[in-house]
Protein backbone atom coordinates (compact mmCIF):
# COMPACT_ATOMS: atom_id res chain seq x y z
CA UNK A 1 -16.91 35.47 65.79
CA UNK A 2 -13.04 35.19 66.87
CA UNK A 3 -10.31 37.45 65.17
CA UNK A 4 -7.54 35.75 63.13
CA UNK A 5 -4.17 37.50 64.17
CA UNK A 6 -1.26 36.06 61.60
CA UNK A 7 -1.00 33.74 59.02
CA UNK A 8 0.93 31.06 60.92
CA UNK A 9 -2.25 30.41 62.56
CA UNK A 10 -3.98 29.85 59.29
CA UNK A 11 -1.23 27.17 58.66
CA UNK A 12 -1.52 25.24 61.84
CA UNK A 13 -5.53 25.08 61.14
CA UNK A 14 -5.21 24.42 57.32
CA UNK A 15 -6.19 20.42 56.54
CA UNK A 16 -3.59 18.22 55.82
CA UNK A 17 -2.86 16.28 52.74
CA UNK A 18 -6.23 14.19 52.47
CA UNK A 19 -7.73 17.59 51.19
CA UNK A 20 -8.41 17.77 47.72
CA UNK A 21 -8.51 21.18 46.69
CA UNK A 22 -7.07 23.99 48.91
CA UNK A 23 -6.70 27.69 47.88
CA UNK A 24 -3.96 29.85 48.82
CA UNK A 25 -4.73 32.31 51.58
CA UNK A 26 -4.71 35.85 50.31
CA UNK A 27 -1.66 37.93 50.82
CA UNK A 28 -3.48 39.96 53.63
CA UNK A 29 -6.15 38.99 56.27
CA UNK A 30 -8.74 41.52 57.71
CA UNK A 31 -9.23 41.67 61.49
CA UNK A 32 -11.81 43.90 61.40
CA UNK A 33 -15.48 43.90 60.08
CA UNK A 34 -15.55 39.87 59.65
CA UNK A 35 -18.70 38.36 58.08
CA UNK A 36 -19.92 35.94 60.65
CA UNK A 37 -18.79 32.26 59.52
CA UNK A 38 -22.81 30.90 60.14
CA UNK A 39 -23.68 33.84 57.84
CA UNK A 40 -21.07 32.24 55.10
CA UNK A 41 -22.00 28.72 55.52
CA UNK A 42 -25.73 29.57 55.13
CA UNK A 43 -25.19 31.61 52.31
CA UNK A 44 -23.31 29.23 50.35
CA UNK A 45 -26.02 26.21 51.38
CA UNK A 46 -28.82 28.33 50.04
CA UNK A 47 -26.71 29.15 46.70
CA UNK A 48 -25.52 25.19 46.18
CA UNK A 49 -29.63 23.91 47.09
CA UNK A 50 -31.04 26.35 44.50
CA UNK A 51 -28.97 25.11 41.72
CA UNK A 52 -30.01 21.38 41.69
CA UNK A 53 -26.73 20.12 41.51
CA UNK A 54 -25.87 18.63 44.86
CA UNK A 55 -27.06 16.60 47.55
CA UNK A 56 -26.34 15.56 51.30
CA UNK A 57 -24.44 19.04 51.45
CA UNK A 58 -22.56 20.01 54.56
CA UNK A 59 -20.88 23.16 54.70
CA UNK A 60 -18.72 24.91 57.52
CA UNK A 61 -16.94 27.94 58.05
CA UNK A 62 -14.09 28.21 60.66
CA UNK A 63 -12.41 31.43 60.97
CA UNK A 64 -12.97 31.99 56.86
CA UNK A 65 -12.00 28.48 56.23
CA UNK A 66 -14.59 26.75 53.99
CA UNK A 67 -14.98 23.15 54.05
CA UNK A 68 -17.65 22.07 51.57
CA UNK A 69 -18.97 18.14 51.79
CA UNK A 70 -21.47 16.53 49.56
CA UNK A 71 -22.25 14.64 46.33
CA UNK A 72 -22.11 16.64 43.04
CA UNK A 73 -23.48 15.14 39.67
CA UNK A 74 -20.66 16.10 37.99
CA UNK A 75 -17.01 17.04 37.85
CA UNK A 76 -17.32 20.21 36.42
CA UNK A 77 -20.18 21.24 38.80
CA UNK A 78 -17.70 20.22 41.77
CA UNK A 79 -15.23 22.61 40.77
CA UNK A 80 -17.80 25.40 40.41
CA UNK A 81 -18.68 25.05 43.95
CA UNK A 82 -15.09 25.42 45.06
CA UNK A 83 -14.70 28.50 42.79
CA UNK A 84 -18.07 29.88 44.05
CA UNK A 85 -16.83 29.51 47.70
CA UNK A 86 -13.58 31.01 46.83
CA UNK A 87 -15.20 34.10 45.49
CA UNK A 88 -17.47 34.69 48.83
CA UNK A 89 -16.59 37.46 51.15
CA UNK A 90 -14.22 36.82 53.81
CA UNK A 91 -13.36 33.38 52.66
CA UNK A 92 -9.70 32.47 53.18
CA UNK A 93 -9.55 29.05 52.02
CA UNK A 94 -11.74 26.50 50.75
CA UNK A 95 -11.58 22.81 51.32
CA UNK A 96 -13.42 21.02 48.74
CA UNK A 97 -14.28 17.58 49.82
CA UNK A 98 -17.34 16.82 48.03
CA UNK A 99 -17.56 13.73 45.93
CA UNK A 100 -18.83 12.96 42.14
CA UNK A 101 -21.81 10.88 41.55
CA UNK A 102 -20.58 7.79 39.99
CA UNK A 103 -23.96 6.64 39.04
CA UNK A 104 -24.69 6.76 35.16
CA UNK A 105 -27.22 9.57 34.55
CA UNK A 106 -28.46 8.90 31.13
CA UNK A 107 -30.50 12.65 31.01
CA UNK A 108 -27.41 14.39 31.88
CA UNK A 109 -25.10 12.23 29.29
CA UNK A 110 -28.30 13.14 26.70
CA UNK A 111 -28.05 16.69 27.63
CA UNK A 112 -24.18 16.67 27.03
CA UNK A 113 -24.35 14.64 23.63
CA UNK A 114 -27.05 17.23 22.40
CA UNK A 115 -24.74 20.23 23.40
CA UNK A 116 -21.77 19.05 21.71
CA UNK A 117 -23.76 17.74 18.66
CA UNK A 118 -25.20 21.46 18.92
CA UNK A 119 -22.04 23.04 19.28
CA UNK A 120 -20.25 21.00 16.22
CA UNK A 121 -23.61 22.21 14.00
CA UNK A 122 -22.89 25.51 14.94
CA UNK A 123 -19.53 25.53 14.20
CA UNK A 124 -19.72 23.56 10.80
CA UNK A 125 -22.58 26.53 9.87
CA UNK A 126 -20.13 29.17 10.91
CA UNK A 127 -17.32 27.55 8.82
CA UNK A 128 -19.48 26.48 5.91
CA UNK A 129 -18.21 29.37 3.48
CA UNK A 130 -14.54 28.24 4.37
CA UNK A 131 -15.46 24.88 3.75
CA UNK A 132 -17.40 25.53 0.03
CA UNK A 133 -14.02 27.53 -0.87
CA UNK A 134 -11.91 25.02 0.15
CA UNK A 135 -13.88 22.39 -1.67
CA UNK A 136 -13.66 25.05 -4.72
CA UNK A 137 -10.01 24.93 -4.41
CA UNK A 138 -9.53 21.16 -4.71
CA UNK A 139 -12.06 21.00 -7.66
CA UNK A 140 -9.92 23.78 -9.26
CA UNK A 141 -6.48 21.76 -8.44
CA UNK A 142 -7.72 18.64 -10.02
CA UNK A 143 -8.70 20.42 -13.21
CA UNK A 144 -5.07 22.45 -13.24
CA UNK A 145 -3.56 19.34 -12.62
CA UNK A 146 -5.23 17.44 -15.49
CA UNK A 147 -4.57 20.61 -17.61
CA UNK A 148 -0.72 21.07 -16.72
CA UNK A 149 -0.41 17.43 -17.40
CA UNK A 150 -1.60 17.38 -20.60
CA UNK A 151 0.37 20.52 -21.38
CA UNK A 152 3.29 18.27 -20.24
CA UNK A 153 2.28 15.59 -22.46
CA UNK A 154 2.01 17.81 -25.50
CA UNK A 155 5.42 19.41 -24.88
CA UNK A 156 7.26 16.04 -24.65
CA UNK A 157 5.87 14.42 -27.39
CA UNK A 158 7.76 16.93 -29.79
CA UNK A 159 10.75 15.78 -28.31
CA UNK A 160 10.78 11.93 -29.00
CA UNK A 161 11.33 11.03 -25.42
CA UNK A 162 10.71 7.56 -23.98
CA UNK A 163 6.97 6.93 -23.09
CA UNK A 164 7.92 6.08 -19.35
CA UNK A 165 9.94 9.35 -19.12
CA UNK A 166 6.78 11.15 -20.39
CA UNK A 167 4.91 9.24 -17.42
CA UNK A 168 7.54 9.99 -14.71
CA UNK A 169 7.53 13.95 -15.59
CA UNK A 170 3.81 13.81 -15.90
CA UNK A 171 3.14 12.28 -12.51
CA UNK A 172 5.62 14.19 -10.73
CA UNK A 173 4.04 17.52 -11.97
CA UNK A 174 0.39 15.98 -10.69
CA UNK A 175 1.58 15.63 -7.41
CA UNK A 176 3.46 18.80 -7.47
CA UNK A 177 0.15 20.70 -8.19
CA UNK A 178 -2.08 18.57 -5.64
CA UNK A 179 0.47 19.18 -3.05
CA UNK A 180 0.43 22.97 -3.73
CA UNK A 181 -3.98 22.67 -3.92
CA UNK A 182 -4.16 20.60 -0.40
CA UNK A 183 -2.33 22.89 1.41
CA UNK A 184 -3.95 26.29 -0.15
CA UNK A 185 -7.55 24.33 0.56
CA UNK A 186 -6.08 23.84 3.96
CA UNK A 187 -5.25 27.33 4.56
CA UNK A 188 -8.65 28.49 3.50
CA UNK A 189 -10.83 26.28 5.35
CA UNK A 190 -8.84 27.00 8.45
CA UNK A 191 -7.79 30.67 8.90
CA UNK A 192 -4.70 31.17 10.67
CA UNK A 193 -3.11 27.89 9.16
CA UNK A 194 0.33 28.48 7.42
CA UNK A 195 1.40 26.10 5.00
CA UNK A 196 4.29 25.21 7.47
CA UNK A 197 1.83 24.60 9.83
CA UNK A 198 -0.05 22.56 7.67
CA UNK A 199 2.73 20.37 7.01
CA UNK A 200 3.64 20.31 10.61
CA UNK A 201 -0.02 18.95 11.20
CA UNK A 202 0.08 16.57 8.35
CA UNK A 203 3.44 14.80 9.71
CA UNK A 204 4.78 14.93 6.02
CA UNK A 205 8.42 15.49 7.86
CA UNK A 206 8.28 13.21 10.80
CA UNK A 207 10.87 10.17 11.55
CA UNK A 208 8.02 8.32 12.62
CA UNK A 209 5.63 8.72 9.43
CA UNK A 210 8.72 7.95 7.39
CA UNK A 211 8.66 4.77 9.48
CA UNK A 212 5.07 3.97 9.13
CA UNK A 213 5.30 4.55 5.23
CA UNK A 214 8.51 2.72 4.81
CA UNK A 215 7.01 0.70 1.92
CA UNK A 216 5.33 3.39 0.28
CA UNK A 217 8.03 5.27 0.31
CA UNK A 218 10.48 2.57 -1.13
CA UNK A 219 8.18 2.12 -3.82
CA UNK A 220 7.58 5.62 -4.87
CA UNK A 221 11.48 6.10 -5.36
CA UNK A 222 11.56 2.77 -7.25
CA UNK A 223 8.80 3.70 -9.23
CA UNK A 224 10.81 7.19 -10.06
CA UNK A 225 13.80 5.12 -10.88
CA UNK A 226 11.76 2.55 -13.24
CA UNK A 227 10.11 5.49 -15.14
CA UNK A 228 13.35 7.53 -15.45
CA UNK A 229 15.95 4.86 -16.79
CA UNK A 230 14.51 1.16 -16.73
CA UNK A 231 14.96 -0.78 -19.96
CA UNK A 232 11.51 -1.56 -20.20
CA UNK A 233 8.40 0.52 -21.31
CA UNK A 234 4.57 0.42 -21.61
CA UNK A 235 3.72 -2.45 -24.04
CA UNK A 236 6.74 -4.38 -23.32
CA UNK A 237 6.59 -8.04 -22.17
CA UNK A 238 8.62 -9.17 -19.20
CA UNK A 239 8.97 -11.70 -16.74
CA UNK A 240 9.43 -11.26 -12.86
CA UNK A 241 9.88 -13.97 -10.70
CA UNK A 242 6.35 -16.06 -11.55
CA UNK A 243 4.68 -12.91 -13.57
CA UNK A 244 4.75 -12.78 -17.29
CA UNK A 245 3.05 -10.39 -19.60
CA UNK A 246 2.55 -7.23 -21.29
CA UNK A 247 3.08 -3.79 -19.22
CA UNK A 248 -0.06 -1.78 -19.11
CA UNK A 249 0.72 1.00 -17.14
CA UNK A 250 3.63 1.99 -14.60
CA UNK A 251 2.79 4.45 -11.88
CA UNK A 252 4.45 6.00 -8.95
CA UNK A 253 3.18 3.24 -6.57
CA UNK A 254 3.18 0.08 -8.89
CA UNK A 255 3.12 -1.43 -12.19
CA UNK A 256 0.23 -3.08 -13.96
CA UNK A 257 1.18 -6.26 -15.94
CA UNK A 258 -1.36 -8.33 -18.00
CA UNK A 259 -0.79 -12.02 -17.63
CA UNK A 260 -0.57 -14.20 -21.03
CA UNK A 261 -3.65 -15.43 -20.04
CA UNK A 262 -5.64 -12.23 -19.20
CA UNK A 263 -5.31 -11.62 -15.68
CA UNK A 264 -4.16 -8.25 -14.34
CA UNK A 265 -1.26 -8.52 -11.88
CA UNK A 266 -0.24 -5.54 -9.70
CA UNK A 267 3.24 -5.61 -8.93
CA UNK A 268 4.98 -3.30 -6.53
CA UNK A 269 7.75 -1.19 -7.85
CA UNK A 270 10.16 -2.35 -5.25
CA UNK A 271 9.91 -6.07 -6.47
CA UNK A 272 10.57 -5.06 -10.13
CA UNK A 273 13.42 -3.15 -9.09
CA UNK A 274 15.11 -5.58 -6.62
CA UNK A 275 14.23 -8.60 -8.76
CA UNK A 276 15.55 -10.00 -12.09
CA UNK A 277 13.35 -9.04 -14.85
CA UNK A 278 13.46 -10.56 -18.06
CA UNK A 279 12.37 -8.02 -20.96
CA UNK A 280 11.16 -10.33 -23.68
CA UNK A 281 10.62 -7.24 -26.21
CA UNK A 282 13.89 -5.81 -25.49
CA UNK A 283 14.96 -6.50 -29.18
CA UNK A 284 12.46 -6.77 -32.17
CA UNK A 285 13.52 -10.36 -32.93
CA UNK A 286 13.93 -13.73 -30.49
CA UNK A 287 15.61 -16.96 -31.77
CA UNK A 288 13.65 -19.94 -30.84
CA UNK A 289 14.87 -23.53 -30.65
CA UNK A 290 13.49 -27.01 -31.42
CA UNK A 291 14.96 -30.54 -31.53
CA UNK A 292 13.84 -32.81 -34.26
CA UNK A 293 14.96 -36.31 -34.96
CA UNK A 294 15.46 -38.65 -37.85
CA UNK A 295 16.01 -42.45 -38.02
CA UNK A 296 19.72 -43.49 -37.79
CA UNK A 297 18.91 -45.31 -41.71
CA UNK A 298 18.59 -41.69 -42.84
CA UNK A 299 21.14 -39.52 -44.54
CA UNK A 300 22.13 -36.49 -41.93
CA UNK A 301 23.11 -34.56 -44.90
CA UNK A 302 20.18 -34.86 -46.58
CA UNK A 303 18.05 -34.17 -43.40
CA UNK A 304 19.42 -31.25 -42.65
CA UNK A 305 18.87 -29.54 -45.81
CA UNK A 306 15.31 -30.96 -45.66
CA UNK A 307 14.80 -29.19 -42.48
CA UNK A 308 16.01 -25.89 -43.55
CA UNK A 309 14.51 -25.71 -46.66
CA UNK A 310 11.23 -26.56 -44.70
CA UNK A 311 11.93 -23.79 -42.00
CA UNK A 312 13.16 -21.18 -44.93
CA UNK A 313 9.78 -21.47 -46.13
CA UNK A 314 7.80 -20.31 -43.21
CA UNK A 315 6.67 -16.69 -43.31
CA UNK A 316 7.16 -16.12 -39.59
CA UNK A 317 10.71 -16.84 -39.88
CA UNK A 318 12.56 -13.55 -40.12
CA UNK A 319 15.66 -13.65 -42.43
CA UNK A 320 16.69 -16.70 -44.49
CA UNK A 321 20.62 -16.45 -43.20
CA UNK A 322 19.39 -16.75 -39.62
CA UNK A 323 18.38 -20.14 -39.92
CA UNK A 324 20.76 -22.65 -38.19
CA UNK A 325 20.63 -26.33 -38.34
CA UNK A 326 23.20 -28.58 -36.36
CA UNK A 327 23.38 -31.89 -35.32
CA UNK A 328 23.08 -32.27 -31.81
CA UNK A 329 23.26 -36.02 -30.46
CA UNK A 330 23.20 -39.44 -30.93
CA UNK A 331 19.78 -40.35 -29.23
CA UNK A 332 18.20 -43.65 -28.20
CA UNK A 333 16.52 -44.20 -31.41
CA UNK A 334 17.47 -40.80 -33.48
CA UNK A 335 19.94 -38.50 -34.56
CA UNK A 336 18.83 -35.27 -33.11
CA UNK A 337 19.22 -31.39 -34.61
CA UNK A 338 18.96 -28.63 -32.86
CA UNK A 339 16.69 -26.19 -35.22
CA UNK A 340 16.96 -22.18 -34.64
CA UNK A 341 15.57 -19.52 -36.36
CA UNK A 342 14.56 -15.85 -35.68
CA UNK A 343 11.10 -14.69 -35.45
CA UNK A 344 9.18 -11.84 -33.67
CA UNK A 345 9.56 -11.32 -29.81
CA UNK A 346 6.05 -11.20 -28.52
CA UNK A 347 4.78 -14.58 -26.93
CA UNK A 348 2.06 -15.07 -29.27
CA UNK A 349 4.46 -14.33 -32.22
CA UNK A 350 6.52 -17.28 -30.96
CA UNK A 351 3.82 -19.50 -30.43
CA UNK A 352 2.75 -18.97 -33.91
CA UNK A 353 5.97 -19.54 -35.44
CA UNK A 354 7.16 -22.63 -33.50
CA UNK A 355 3.63 -23.88 -34.95
CA UNK A 356 4.36 -22.99 -38.50
CA UNK A 357 7.79 -24.45 -38.40
CA UNK A 358 7.17 -27.77 -36.82
CA UNK A 359 4.18 -28.52 -39.18
CA UNK A 360 6.25 -27.31 -42.27
CA UNK A 361 9.20 -29.96 -40.89
CA UNK A 362 6.75 -32.78 -40.77
CA UNK A 363 5.51 -31.88 -43.92
CA UNK A 364 8.44 -31.83 -45.70
CA UNK A 365 10.30 -34.95 -43.95
CA UNK A 366 7.17 -37.26 -45.27
CA UNK A 367 7.26 -35.91 -48.67
CA UNK A 368 11.19 -37.08 -48.52
CA UNK A 369 10.29 -40.53 -47.16
CA UNK A 370 12.75 -39.24 -44.36
CA UNK A 371 11.65 -41.09 -41.02
CA UNK A 372 11.01 -39.50 -37.54
CA UNK A 373 11.23 -42.74 -35.57
CA UNK A 374 9.53 -43.63 -32.72
CA UNK A 375 11.51 -44.59 -29.61
CA UNK A 376 12.81 -48.48 -30.04
CA UNK A 377 13.99 -50.53 -27.24
CA UNK A 378 16.18 -54.09 -27.69
CA UNK A 379 15.84 -56.78 -25.68
CA UNK A 380 18.10 -59.64 -25.63
CA UNK A 381 16.77 -63.23 -24.87
CA UNK A 382 19.26 -66.28 -24.13
CA UNK A 383 18.45 -69.62 -26.24
CA UNK A 384 17.07 -72.29 -23.50
CA UNK A 385 19.11 -74.96 -25.79
CA UNK A 386 22.45 -73.06 -25.78
CA UNK A 387 23.43 -72.55 -21.93
CA UNK A 388 26.93 -70.75 -23.60
CA UNK A 389 24.84 -68.00 -25.61
CA UNK A 390 26.08 -68.80 -28.55
CA UNK A 391 22.67 -68.43 -30.07
CA UNK A 392 20.26 -65.73 -29.09
CA UNK A 393 17.12 -64.43 -30.17
CA UNK A 394 16.54 -60.66 -30.45
CA UNK A 395 13.17 -59.23 -29.85
CA UNK A 396 12.48 -55.56 -31.00
CA UNK A 397 9.44 -53.90 -29.73
CA UNK A 398 7.91 -50.23 -29.89
CA UNK A 399 7.98 -48.37 -27.04
CA UNK A 400 4.67 -46.74 -27.96
CA UNK A 401 1.77 -48.26 -28.45
CA UNK A 402 2.41 -49.94 -32.07
CA UNK A 403 2.47 -53.60 -32.24
CA UNK A 404 5.41 -55.64 -31.19
CA UNK A 405 7.73 -56.41 -33.70
CA UNK A 406 10.27 -59.41 -33.35
CA UNK A 407 13.95 -60.08 -35.44
CA UNK A 408 15.89 -63.04 -35.61
């Protein structure tokens, strides 16, 4: 076997850039008692063939530089061949030209999957006591959140605070308890994990998470402001855009509104905070208006007093002095009165009161023989015998389905 003289000779003999894996030469190169190249190649060939992982092997050794060629079944076994060759006695460098078999082998894939599942199962069994302890922590957190929330509500009930403000304190305290409980369960399930690391993993302080959950955070802060100092509370009737109903529940995320027809509307808090909201029950009473017309032949003052008496006699009208009746306009066939009174602020109370008042006005006007006229239309026709229009014929007919009447 020829003797290597210097590291410069190695640099000249080493393969160029087409090699895939070249190890660095050792700091010193032996010049005596060097193993024959044929022995190195023979030894590596026997080792690789005995493994059964390779085919078409071609191993050559020249002055301690080993070149490996062939086909390996996996990338891991390819790297193992190079590592084994580098650890062989008197091997200076390794050129790994071995390729990985691109054919899909279901047997090896099945083996890899089986090993992965077994490893996962073993890891689960090892960590099962920690996972059970974390689950117990979460259950204790749930019970603690309910107990603390119940205690907060009992304490705040004695202070006569608004219901929405109580709900805000209750929800914030519950969220705080849950955050502490989840962090504790994470630390228990994964030893070595600290709360700061857990927060980093969860990405609570990440700007990307802030952008991703922009709408959630917007509704969250809007919910806090609504619960804190907003003019409606649970049980109030409100109107927001096309939603009218009773507020059933206000949460940090959204508000539940029961529509007048029984449907439940879930409205994001940001919509309520940024839109115009009409609070229908902000005051215990609301004023209701209707229009009532009497015929032109009737006495206006008498008609006004009859209508006032009818409205004041209704049980749903709250306060006798609040009844207001004004002659509003000369309509096409009647003198119209604007009738206004105060009643309960809930939609059902308003509908019931309007029904009672209209029925009472109709009854009183009928008893007083005051006419509520149909709309009349007057048509004028010229006499065919009088071209100058000195004589005309007037025909008055009802605009409704009543029989036609003619007057001359």
